[in-house]
């Protein structure tokens, strides 16, 4: 029998509990979407998003509620839905932007992220996510600009 060569002593621990929970939420979202395509009642993305926002800590909820209002008012073509258990907004079924609350992964800050379908291209390099600790009027103006561009 041939012995295996010694490998790196680092071992892969796998996904942490928060990551596994997010994947389970995504699997449930996909299952719900497949039921929709099979003729079941259409899930209400708005209710799902508002439900996820209601579950957040006070600081995350305040940001998420404001982002939800900004996106609905300035990019009504984006449909609210959940994505990995987070509020997200899609165009033609594809997630354009999402809000990742700080508490979801025990992070220092919440994140407003943009996916590939977002039209944010600016040369050969541009940001696709933004750290948020609170929202100022200037932040809101920048977010409005980003969301409008992403949805176009």
Protein backbone atom coordinates (compact mmCIF):
# COMPACT_ATOMS: atom_id res chain seq x y z
CA UNK A 1 0.00 0.00 0.00
CA UNK A 2 1.32 3.44 -0.90
CA UNK A 3 1.36 6.10 1.78
CA UNK A 4 -0.15 9.48 1.06
CA UNK A 5 2.30 12.36 1.17
CA UNK A 6 2.09 14.58 4.22
CA UNK A 7 -0.35 17.38 3.63
CA UNK A 8 -0.65 20.83 5.01
CA UNK A 9 -1.62 20.63 8.67
CA UNK A 10 -4.42 23.16 8.20
CA UNK A 11 -7.81 21.58 8.17
CA UNK A 12 -10.92 23.01 6.61
CA UNK A 13 -13.54 23.51 9.25
CA UNK A 14 -16.36 24.15 6.77
CA UNK A 15 -19.05 26.77 6.96
CA UNK A 16 -19.89 28.40 10.26
CA UNK A 17 -23.41 28.30 11.69
CA UNK A 18 -24.38 31.69 10.21
CA UNK A 19 -23.23 30.65 6.73
CA UNK A 20 -25.10 27.35 6.98
CA UNK A 21 -28.25 29.20 8.08
CA UNK A 22 -27.97 31.58 5.11
CA UNK A 23 -27.60 28.63 2.72
CA UNK A 24 -30.66 26.95 4.24
CA UNK A 25 -32.63 30.17 3.79
CA UNK A 26 -31.50 30.34 0.16
CA UNK A 27 -32.55 26.73 -0.43
CA UNK A 28 -35.99 27.56 1.02
CA UNK A 29 -36.22 30.62 -1.25
CA UNK A 30 -35.42 28.48 -4.30
CA UNK A 31 -37.94 25.86 -3.22
CA UNK A 32 -40.60 28.55 -2.85
CA UNK A 33 -39.73 29.96 -6.29
CA UNK A 34 -40.02 26.52 -7.89
CA UNK A 35 -43.48 26.11 -6.33
CA UNK A 36 -44.41 29.43 -7.90
CA UNK A 37 -43.37 28.23 -11.33
CA UNK A 38 -45.34 25.01 -10.76
CA UNK A 39 -48.54 27.03 -10.40
CA UNK A 40 -48.69 27.65 -6.66
CA UNK A 41 -49.58 31.08 -5.35
CA UNK A 42 -46.94 33.70 -6.07
CA UNK A 43 -44.88 34.48 -2.97
CA UNK A 44 -45.11 38.09 -1.83
CA UNK A 45 -41.55 39.42 -1.96
CA UNK A 46 -42.50 42.67 -0.26
CA UNK A 47 -43.92 40.83 2.76
CA UNK A 48 -40.90 38.54 2.90
CA UNK A 49 -38.49 41.49 2.86
CA UNK A 50 -40.45 43.43 5.46
CA UNK A 51 -40.55 40.30 7.64
CA UNK A 52 -36.76 39.94 7.45
CA UNK A 53 -36.31 43.63 8.24
CA UNK A 54 -38.61 43.30 11.28
CA UNK A 55 -36.39 40.51 12.65
CA UNK A 56 -33.24 42.69 12.61
CA UNK A 57 -31.59 44.45 15.53
CA UNK A 58 -32.60 48.09 16.01
CA UNK A 59 -29.54 49.55 14.28
CA UNK A 60 -29.72 47.19 11.28
CA UNK A 61 -33.50 47.60 11.06
CA UNK A 62 -33.25 51.40 10.92
CA UNK A 63 -30.83 51.24 7.97
CA UNK A 64 -32.78 48.47 6.21
CA UNK A 65 -36.10 50.31 6.51
CA UNK A 66 -34.59 53.46 5.05
CA UNK A 67 -32.87 51.55 2.23
CA UNK A 68 -36.13 49.78 1.43
CA UNK A 69 -37.93 53.13 1.13
CA UNK A 70 -35.13 54.65 -0.97
CA UNK A 71 -35.10 51.71 -3.38
CA UNK A 72 -38.90 51.56 -3.72
CA UNK A 73 -39.14 55.32 -4.31
CA UNK A 74 -36.21 55.64 -6.72
CA UNK A 75 -36.12 52.30 -8.52
CA UNK A 76 -39.69 50.98 -8.53
CA UNK A 77 -38.75 48.54 -11.31
CA UNK A 78 -36.74 46.56 -8.74
CA UNK A 79 -38.85 43.89 -7.08
CA UNK A 80 -38.25 43.15 -3.39
CA UNK A 81 -37.36 39.55 -2.54
CA UNK A 82 -35.22 37.71 -0.03
CA UNK A 83 -31.84 36.37 -1.04
CA UNK A 84 -29.92 34.16 1.39
CA UNK A 85 -32.39 35.42 3.98
CA UNK A 86 -31.50 39.08 3.36
CA UNK A 87 -33.54 41.87 1.79
CA UNK A 88 -32.76 42.10 -1.91
CA UNK A 89 -34.14 43.83 -4.98
CA UNK A 90 -34.30 42.17 -8.39
CA UNK A 91 -34.89 43.10 -12.00
CA UNK A 92 -36.18 40.41 -14.34
CA UNK A 93 -35.70 37.88 -11.53
CA UNK A 94 -32.00 38.67 -11.04
CA UNK A 95 -30.79 40.28 -7.81
CA UNK A 96 -29.42 43.75 -8.49
CA UNK A 97 -28.78 44.91 -4.92
CA UNK A 98 -29.08 43.56 -1.39
CA UNK A 99 -28.70 44.56 2.24
CA UNK A 100 -26.57 42.41 4.52
CA UNK A 101 -27.21 43.30 8.16
CA UNK A 102 -24.16 43.45 10.42
CA UNK A 103 -25.69 41.04 12.91
CA UNK A 104 -26.27 38.32 10.29
CA UNK A 105 -22.56 37.43 10.20
CA UNK A 106 -21.50 39.26 13.38
CA UNK A 107 -19.76 41.93 11.30
CA UNK A 108 -18.68 45.39 12.35
CA UNK A 109 -20.90 47.06 9.74
CA UNK A 110 -23.88 46.37 7.50
CA UNK A 111 -23.39 46.17 3.75
CA UNK A 112 -25.25 47.48 0.74
CA UNK A 113 -24.13 45.23 -2.08
CA UNK A 114 -24.65 45.15 -5.83
CA UNK A 115 -24.61 42.04 -8.03
CA UNK A 116 -23.42 41.57 -11.60
CA UNK A 117 -26.71 42.70 -13.21
CA UNK A 118 -26.28 46.15 -11.61
CA UNK A 119 -25.14 48.67 -14.21
CA UNK A 120 -22.46 50.28 -12.07
CA UNK A 121 -19.57 49.80 -14.51
CA UNK A 122 -17.12 52.69 -14.37
CA UNK A 123 -13.97 51.98 -16.36
CA UNK A 124 -12.12 48.83 -15.40
CA UNK A 125 -12.71 48.96 -11.62
CA UNK A 126 -15.64 50.04 -9.44
CA UNK A 127 -17.01 49.25 -5.97
CA UNK A 128 -19.79 46.67 -5.65
CA UNK A 129 -20.43 46.93 -1.92
CA UNK A 130 -20.56 49.68 0.65
CA UNK A 131 -20.13 49.49 4.42
CA UNK A 132 -22.92 51.19 6.36
CA UNK A 133 -22.96 52.08 10.04
CA UNK A 134 -25.75 54.66 9.71
CA UNK A 135 -27.26 56.77 6.94
CA UNK A 136 -26.68 60.50 6.58
CA UNK A 137 -28.40 62.75 4.02
CA UNK A 138 -25.24 62.62 1.90
CA UNK A 139 -25.19 58.80 2.12
CA UNK A 140 -28.82 58.65 1.04
CA UNK A 141 -28.13 60.91 -1.95
CA UNK A 142 -25.26 58.64 -3.03
CA UNK A 143 -27.41 55.53 -2.57
CA UNK A 144 -30.20 57.06 -4.66
CA UNK A 145 -27.68 57.72 -7.44
CA UNK A 146 -26.30 54.17 -7.22
CA UNK A 147 -29.70 52.49 -7.13
CA UNK A 148 -30.97 54.46 -10.12
CA UNK A 149 -27.84 53.59 -12.10
CA UNK A 150 -27.96 49.94 -11.04
CA UNK A 151 -31.57 49.56 -12.10
CA UNK A 152 -31.16 51.22 -15.51
